[in-house]
Protein backbone atom coordinates (compact mmCIF):
# COMPACT_ATOMS: atom_id res chain seq x y z
CA MET A 1 -20.31 2.08 26.74
CA ARG A 2 -17.75 0.61 29.11
CA GLY A 3 -18.11 -2.33 31.47
CA ALA A 4 -16.46 -5.14 33.41
CA VAL A 5 -15.82 -8.46 31.68
CA ILE A 6 -14.42 -11.57 33.33
CA HIS A 7 -12.15 -13.60 31.05
CA ALA A 8 -10.86 -16.21 33.49
CA PRO A 9 -10.41 -16.64 37.25
CA GLY A 10 -8.53 -13.61 38.52
CA ASP A 11 -8.88 -11.80 35.19
CA VAL A 12 -11.48 -9.00 35.16
CA ARG A 13 -11.06 -6.30 32.50
CA PHE A 14 -12.74 -2.97 31.81
CA GLU A 15 -13.73 -2.98 28.14
CA THR A 16 -15.81 -1.20 25.53
CA LEU A 17 -19.14 -2.99 25.04
CA ASP A 18 -22.19 -2.52 22.85
CA ASP A 19 -24.68 -0.04 24.23
CA PRO A 20 -27.80 -1.81 25.60
CA LYS A 21 -31.01 -1.39 23.61
CA ILE A 22 -34.70 -1.92 24.28
CA SER A 23 -35.38 -5.43 22.97
CA ARG A 24 -38.80 -6.05 24.56
CA PRO A 25 -41.63 -3.66 25.44
CA THR A 26 -41.08 -4.53 29.14
CA ASP A 27 -37.43 -3.35 29.12
CA ALA A 28 -35.88 -0.18 30.46
CA ILE A 29 -32.41 1.28 30.00
CA ILE A 30 -30.78 2.93 33.00
CA ARG A 31 -27.60 4.95 33.39
CA THR A 32 -25.88 3.64 36.47
CA VAL A 33 -25.22 6.09 39.28
CA ALA A 34 -23.44 3.43 41.32
CA THR A 35 -22.72 -0.29 41.09
CA CYS A 36 -20.43 -2.60 43.05
CA VAL A 37 -18.69 -5.94 43.45
CA CYS A 38 -20.62 -8.65 45.29
CA GLY A 39 -19.22 -11.46 47.37
CA SER A 40 -20.91 -13.89 44.99
CA ASP A 41 -18.89 -12.34 42.14
CA LEU A 42 -15.83 -13.79 43.84
CA TRP A 43 -16.93 -17.37 43.19
CA PRO A 44 -16.00 -17.25 39.46
CA TYR A 45 -13.15 -14.83 40.22
CA ARG A 46 -11.62 -17.44 42.53
CA GLY A 47 -12.30 -20.31 40.13
CA ALA A 48 -15.04 -21.90 42.26
CA GLU A 49 -17.44 -21.42 39.33
CA PRO A 50 -16.36 -22.04 35.73
CA VAL A 51 -15.79 -19.18 33.31
CA ALA A 52 -16.56 -20.87 30.01
CA GLU A 53 -16.09 -17.69 27.97
CA PRO A 54 -15.66 -13.95 28.63
CA HIS A 55 -18.84 -12.33 29.86
CA PRO A 56 -20.00 -9.14 31.62
CA MET A 57 -20.35 -9.02 35.38
CA GLY A 58 -22.41 -7.33 38.08
CA HIS A 59 -25.95 -7.55 39.44
CA GLU A 60 -26.31 -4.62 41.86
CA TYR A 61 -27.33 -1.19 40.65
CA VAL A 62 -29.04 2.14 41.16
CA GLY A 63 -29.42 4.62 38.35
CA ILE A 64 -31.38 7.06 36.24
CA VAL A 65 -33.93 5.83 33.73
CA GLU A 66 -32.87 6.75 30.18
CA GLU A 67 -35.48 4.92 28.09
CA VAL A 68 -38.44 2.61 28.63
CA GLY A 69 -40.33 0.11 26.51
CA SER A 70 -43.95 0.68 25.53
CA GLU A 71 -45.34 -1.51 28.35
CA VAL A 72 -43.36 0.14 31.15
CA THR A 73 -45.57 2.69 32.87
CA ASN A 74 -44.44 2.69 36.49
CA VAL A 75 -41.14 4.47 35.85
CA LYS A 76 -40.18 7.12 33.32
CA PRO A 77 -37.02 8.70 31.93
CA GLY A 78 -35.24 10.94 34.41
CA GLN A 79 -36.30 9.07 37.55
CA PHE A 80 -33.84 7.61 40.06
CA VAL A 81 -34.55 3.89 40.49
CA VAL A 82 -33.52 0.92 42.60
CA GLY A 83 -33.98 -2.62 41.33
CA SER A 84 -33.24 -6.21 42.27
CA PHE A 85 -30.66 -8.70 41.05
CA ALA A 86 -33.57 -10.98 40.05
CA THR A 87 -36.08 -9.33 37.73
CA SER A 88 -39.78 -10.00 38.13
CA ASP A 89 -43.04 -9.06 36.46
CA ASN A 90 -44.61 -8.65 39.94
CA THR A 91 -47.90 -10.07 38.63
CA CYS A 92 -47.44 -13.85 38.37
CA ALA A 93 -48.60 -16.21 41.14
CA ASN A 94 -45.17 -16.50 42.69
CA CYS A 95 -44.74 -12.72 42.76
CA LEU A 96 -48.17 -12.20 44.29
CA ASN A 97 -47.22 -14.69 46.98
CA GLY A 98 -44.18 -12.58 47.81
CA TRP A 99 -41.54 -14.71 46.04
CA GLN A 100 -40.49 -12.38 43.22
CA SER A 101 -37.10 -14.08 42.96
CA SER A 102 -39.00 -17.11 41.66
CA CYS A 103 -41.05 -15.09 39.17
CA LEU A 104 -42.22 -17.20 36.24
CA HIS A 105 -40.50 -14.66 33.97
CA ARG A 106 -37.43 -14.15 36.15
CA GLU A 107 -34.09 -13.17 34.70
CA PHE A 108 -30.96 -12.79 36.80
CA MET A 109 -29.03 -9.59 36.19
CA GLY A 110 -25.41 -9.99 35.16
CA THR A 111 -24.27 -6.89 33.28
CA CYS A 112 -24.47 -4.13 35.89
CA GLN A 113 -20.80 -3.21 36.36
CA ALA A 114 -21.17 -0.89 33.42
CA ASP A 115 -22.19 2.63 32.36
CA TYR A 116 -25.63 1.55 31.14
CA VAL A 117 -27.82 -1.49 31.84
CA ARG A 118 -30.88 -3.02 30.22
CA ILE A 119 -33.42 -4.04 32.87
CA PRO A 120 -35.83 -6.79 31.77
CA ASN A 121 -39.27 -6.87 33.41
CA ALA A 122 -38.68 -3.25 34.32
CA HIS A 123 -42.32 -2.59 35.21
CA GLY A 124 -42.21 -5.15 38.04
CA THR A 125 -38.56 -4.78 38.98
CA LEU A 126 -37.75 -1.08 39.32
CA VAL A 127 -38.87 1.17 42.17
CA ALA A 128 -38.48 4.93 41.72
CA THR A 129 -37.74 7.30 44.58
CA HIS A 130 -39.94 10.40 44.87
CA GLU A 131 -37.00 12.58 43.89
CA HIS A 132 -33.30 12.19 43.21
CA PRO A 133 -31.81 11.30 46.60
CA PRO A 134 -28.87 13.27 48.02
CA GLY A 135 -25.55 11.63 47.29
CA GLU A 136 -25.02 10.46 50.84
CA PHE A 137 -27.96 8.04 50.47
CA VAL A 138 -26.70 6.40 47.27
CA PRO A 139 -24.48 3.75 48.95
CA SER A 140 -27.30 2.57 51.20
CA LEU A 141 -29.80 2.51 48.32
CA LEU A 142 -27.29 0.49 46.33
CA ALA A 143 -26.98 -1.93 49.27
CA VAL A 144 -30.78 -2.33 49.23
CA SER A 145 -30.61 -3.72 45.66
CA ASP A 146 -28.96 -6.89 46.96
CA VAL A 147 -26.99 -7.26 50.20
CA MET A 148 -29.46 -5.44 52.47
CA GLY A 149 -32.41 -7.16 50.82
CA THR A 150 -30.61 -10.49 51.08
CA GLY A 151 -29.68 -9.93 54.72
CA TRP A 152 -33.31 -9.02 55.36
CA TYR A 153 -34.49 -12.23 53.74
CA ALA A 154 -32.01 -14.25 55.84
CA ALA A 155 -33.60 -12.81 58.97
CA VAL A 156 -37.15 -13.35 57.70
CA ALA A 157 -36.35 -16.93 56.63
CA ALA A 158 -34.80 -17.61 60.03
CA GLU A 159 -37.99 -16.23 61.62
CA VAL A 160 -36.32 -13.58 63.75
CA LYS A 161 -38.93 -12.28 66.20
CA PRO A 162 -39.05 -9.58 68.88
CA GLY A 163 -37.11 -10.66 71.96
CA SER A 164 -35.36 -13.55 70.21
CA THR A 165 -31.71 -14.54 69.96
CA ALA A 166 -30.12 -14.54 66.50
CA VAL A 167 -26.73 -15.74 65.28
CA VAL A 168 -25.21 -14.37 62.08
CA VAL A 169 -22.73 -16.68 60.36
CA GLY A 170 -20.59 -14.64 57.97
CA ASP A 171 -19.17 -11.13 58.35
CA GLY A 172 -19.28 -10.06 54.72
CA ALA A 173 -21.69 -7.41 53.47
CA VAL A 174 -24.69 -9.75 53.56
CA GLY A 175 -23.93 -10.93 57.09
CA LEU A 176 -23.45 -7.39 58.33
CA CYS A 177 -26.74 -6.38 56.71
CA GLY A 178 -28.26 -9.44 58.38
CA VAL A 179 -27.29 -7.89 61.72
CA ILE A 180 -29.22 -4.76 60.73
CA ALA A 181 -32.20 -6.88 59.72
CA ALA A 182 -32.18 -8.91 62.94
CA LYS A 183 -32.15 -5.73 64.99
CA GLU A 184 -34.94 -4.14 62.93
CA LEU A 185 -37.05 -7.29 63.37
CA GLY A 186 -36.65 -7.07 67.13
CA ALA A 187 -33.95 -9.58 68.12
CA GLU A 188 -32.87 -8.91 71.69
CA ARG A 189 -29.53 -10.65 71.34
CA ILE A 190 -27.51 -10.77 68.12
CA ILE A 191 -24.37 -12.90 68.03
CA ALA A 192 -22.10 -12.05 65.10
CA MET A 193 -19.46 -14.58 64.14
CA SER A 194 -16.40 -12.70 62.86
CA ARG A 195 -12.62 -12.81 62.95
CA HIS A 196 -11.98 -9.39 61.41
CA ALA A 197 -11.65 -6.42 63.76
CA SER A 198 -13.06 -3.85 61.30
CA ARG A 199 -16.09 -6.04 60.60
CA GLN A 200 -16.63 -6.76 64.28
CA LYS A 201 -16.72 -3.02 64.91
CA LEU A 202 -19.30 -2.49 62.17
CA ALA A 203 -21.39 -5.44 63.39
CA LEU A 204 -21.51 -3.89 66.87
CA GLU A 205 -22.47 -0.53 65.35
CA PHE A 206 -25.27 -2.23 63.41
CA GLY A 207 -26.68 -3.85 66.56
CA ALA A 208 -24.73 -7.00 67.42
CA THR A 209 -24.56 -7.66 71.15
CA ASP A 210 -21.88 -10.37 71.11
CA ILE A 211 -18.94 -11.32 68.90
CA VAL A 212 -17.77 -14.91 68.47
CA THR A 213 -14.36 -15.28 66.85
CA GLU A 214 -14.20 -19.09 66.93
CA ARG A 215 -15.25 -21.20 63.95
CA GLY A 216 -16.42 -24.75 63.40
CA ASP A 217 -17.14 -26.87 66.47
CA GLU A 218 -15.42 -24.30 68.71
CA GLY A 219 -17.72 -21.61 67.34
CA ILE A 220 -20.77 -23.81 67.92
CA ALA A 221 -19.66 -24.48 71.48
CA ARG A 222 -19.21 -20.76 72.09
CA VAL A 223 -22.74 -20.03 70.81
CA LYS A 224 -24.09 -22.75 73.11
CA ASP A 225 -22.21 -21.17 76.02
CA LEU A 226 -23.90 -17.85 75.26
CA THR A 227 -27.37 -19.41 75.03
CA ASP A 228 -27.48 -21.52 78.19
CA GLY A 229 -26.41 -24.63 76.29
CA ILE A 230 -29.47 -24.63 74.01
CA GLY A 231 -28.62 -22.68 70.86
CA ALA A 232 -30.15 -19.69 69.10
CA ASP A 233 -33.74 -19.16 68.04
CA SER A 234 -32.64 -17.98 64.59
CA VAL A 235 -29.44 -18.40 62.60
CA LEU A 236 -28.61 -16.43 59.45
CA GLU A 237 -26.19 -18.36 57.19
CA CYS A 238 -24.58 -15.81 54.89
CA VAL A 239 -21.57 -17.62 53.38
CA GLY A 240 -22.47 -20.74 51.38
CA THR A 241 -19.72 -23.20 52.33
CA PRO A 242 -20.07 -26.65 53.95
CA GLU A 243 -18.38 -25.29 57.06
CA SER A 244 -20.72 -22.32 57.41
CA MET A 245 -23.81 -24.47 56.93
CA HIS A 246 -22.59 -26.97 59.54
CA GLN A 247 -21.95 -24.12 61.95
CA ALA A 248 -25.37 -22.62 61.28
CA LEU A 249 -27.36 -25.83 61.71
CA HIS A 250 -25.62 -26.76 64.96
CA SER A 251 -25.90 -23.26 66.41
CA ALA A 252 -29.71 -23.33 66.27
CA ARG A 253 -31.81 -24.72 69.09
CA PRO A 254 -34.34 -27.53 68.55
CA GLY A 255 -37.34 -25.79 67.05
CA GLY A 256 -35.15 -22.95 65.83
CA ASN A 257 -34.69 -21.85 62.24
CA VAL A 258 -31.83 -21.31 59.80
CA GLY A 259 -32.19 -18.85 56.94
CA PHE A 260 -29.49 -19.58 54.36
CA VAL A 261 -28.71 -17.03 51.69
CA GLY A 262 -25.06 -17.72 50.94
CA VAL A 263 -25.05 -19.34 47.47
CA PRO A 264 -24.24 -22.98 48.37
CA HIS A 265 -21.03 -24.46 46.99
CA GLU A 266 -20.50 -28.16 47.68
CA VAL A 267 -22.96 -27.94 50.56
CA SER A 268 -24.93 -31.06 51.48
CA VAL A 269 -27.17 -31.72 54.47
CA GLU A 270 -27.53 -35.29 55.67
CA GLY A 271 -31.17 -36.21 56.08
CA GLN A 272 -30.99 -37.83 59.52
CA GLU A 273 -28.86 -35.01 60.85
CA LEU A 274 -31.53 -32.51 59.83
CA PHE A 275 -34.34 -34.79 60.98
CA PHE A 276 -33.07 -35.20 64.54
CA SER A 277 -31.97 -31.57 64.86
CA GLN A 278 -35.59 -30.44 64.62
CA VAL A 279 -34.30 -27.25 63.00
CA GLY A 280 -36.20 -25.50 60.22
CA LEU A 281 -34.21 -24.68 57.08
CA ARG A 282 -35.22 -22.15 54.41
CA GLY A 283 -33.19 -20.17 51.90
CA GLY A 284 -32.64 -19.32 48.28
CA PRO A 285 -32.35 -16.15 46.22
CA ALA A 286 -33.82 -13.30 48.23
CA PRO A 287 -37.13 -11.85 46.98
CA VAL A 288 -35.60 -8.39 47.20
CA ARG A 289 -38.39 -6.75 45.18
CA ALA A 290 -40.85 -7.62 47.95
CA TYR A 291 -38.79 -5.58 50.43
CA LEU A 292 -37.71 -2.64 48.26
CA PRO A 293 -40.38 -0.07 49.18
CA ASP A 294 -39.95 -0.70 52.91
CA LEU A 295 -36.13 -0.78 52.83
CA ILE A 296 -35.91 2.34 50.65
CA GLU A 297 -38.09 4.17 53.18
CA ARG A 298 -35.94 2.97 56.09
CA VAL A 299 -32.84 4.27 54.28
CA LEU A 300 -34.28 7.65 53.30
CA SER A 301 -35.69 8.19 56.79
CA GLY A 302 -32.24 7.55 58.27
CA ARG A 303 -33.41 4.53 60.24
CA ILE A 304 -30.82 2.19 58.67
CA ASP A 305 -27.50 2.90 56.97
CA PRO A 306 -26.36 -0.31 55.24
CA GLY A 307 -24.13 1.70 52.90
CA LYS A 308 -21.48 1.57 55.63
CA VAL A 309 -20.57 -1.90 54.30
CA PHE A 310 -18.87 -0.09 51.40
CA ASP A 311 -15.40 0.58 52.76
CA LEU A 312 -13.78 1.07 49.37
CA THR A 313 -14.97 3.44 46.63
CA LEU A 314 -13.37 3.33 43.19
CA PRO A 315 -14.00 4.70 39.71
CA LEU A 316 -15.73 2.08 37.60
CA ASP A 317 -12.67 1.79 35.39
CA GLN A 318 -10.77 0.41 38.41
CA VAL A 319 -13.22 -2.47 38.83
CA ALA A 320 -10.38 -5.03 38.69
CA GLU A 321 -8.88 -3.49 41.84
CA GLY A 322 -12.28 -3.80 43.51
CA TYR A 323 -12.23 -7.54 42.86
CA ARG A 324 -8.65 -7.86 44.11
CA ALA A 325 -9.34 -5.91 47.29
CA MET A 326 -12.34 -8.03 48.18
CA ASP A 327 -10.61 -11.27 47.23
CA GLU A 328 -7.70 -10.37 49.53
CA CYS A 329 -10.08 -9.24 52.33
CA ARG A 330 -8.71 -5.70 52.12
CA ALA A 331 -12.28 -4.49 51.64
CA ILE A 332 -15.68 -5.67 52.80
CA LYS A 333 -17.39 -4.37 49.65
CA ALA A 334 -16.23 -2.15 46.79
CA LEU A 335 -18.53 0.57 45.46
CA LEU A 336 -17.95 1.60 41.82
CA LYS A 337 -18.81 5.01 40.39
CA PRO A 338 -19.14 5.34 36.59
């Protein structure tokens, strides 16, 4: 098969790789219908994470089941499936508590920008649709496998409630999906922080009521101006930098909550600062599997359309251009078709 391999920062190649095989009875092999480049893929691409040796890339996927192991009974060959970037057995204590991304048998996906993918823990990870969805739904179902599920978790972790005010820090695909999530969970006012006109437009389409273009202390001050000097009930931090975390914490009101889903890089929170802020802080890898059935239904019913975050579609063999376009902010998110 063919797939993306990162060799060094800025160096992603499309190469011939070994076909995946069933190695455990809980595995499945899928043929990808669509995959994509994630904002978190840009961390190693930009050199913010080390690339010790060449390795495959990609953790978002939808596809058709080709083969299943002997213990996989919930999906079968020929079905269209959506999965999560974190695999889970869906039976351990953490899974039963709704935290599948901390499954005791968790494995993080990392080979999905390819023609075929082996899915560990397939029985607990994959959700099949009732039938093969029309092509127009594929981008949104692909978004559900990570960025929509992660944006949803950001809103849940920030405790967005009906009638509340939410701030979304970050206008990438996760942040934009966080706008969708905040609206679906009933936020009355949604403040999206963005400096990019095309992303501002999409945020407003998704349900944002206000746009804040300022960053840092100026951005915090603008949020306070919009919230009678108090701050927001809920803040979704969808970037993962020290600056974005600072902005998120100081945009929340006392008693408010921050849900942080941007993978932290060099982020630290000083204890007394957090203590006296009286702001709740929760984050981590999103338990996407917990949300899949609900989000898939919202997509197929036409209630949400997170696939609009894909503003660049390329053949899979042009995956390197997808990385370049996102790195240079020429695209919000690149969808790849095998």
